[in-house]
C-alpha cells in the first residue's frame, strides 16, 4: 500500500519525527463576514449585510496549541472530500475514534486515512474513487503513530 502523501505546514507535532516544513509566519487577518447567506441563484446586494470581521481561526481552530495544517497529495481520500492539494486542519487534542479521518505515520511514512475499528481490530481505510487500496490492518508489530484528527478540509473550486 502506498501511503497518501501529506506535507506539513508550520510546526510539526512535537512527539513525531520532524518532516521537512514550510515555515509560515503566524499572520491572522480578519476578513468581512456577511450576515446573510448567499443564494446560489440570482445575486443580491450583500454589502448591506456586512456583520463583523471574520477570523477563520475562530471557526477552524478549537485547540490552537494542538492544531497544525497539512497539504494532501494524491487521490486515495477523494470520497471523503479530500483532494490532491487540499489543506487539512488537524487537531492533536481530539482523541481518534472509529470513523475519524486521521493523519498517521505508518512505518515512518505519513498518510491520511479513515480510522476504522471492527471486531477488535484497527484499520486505516482509503476512500479513493479510482483506487483499489485494501484496508491496512494495524498490527502490534507496526510502527504506527496517529498525529491527529482531521477536523476540516479546505480546497479550491
Foldseek 3Di string as FASTA:
>chain_A
DDFWAKAWEDDADPVADDDDYDHDDDDWDWAWDFPDDADPDDGDPRVVGTDDTHTVCVVQPPDVVFKTKMFTADFQAVVVVHDHGKIFIWGQVDDDDQQFWFWKQKQNGTHTFGWHADPNWIWGHTDGDPDPDDIHTDDPPIDMDTSGTGDDIDDDD
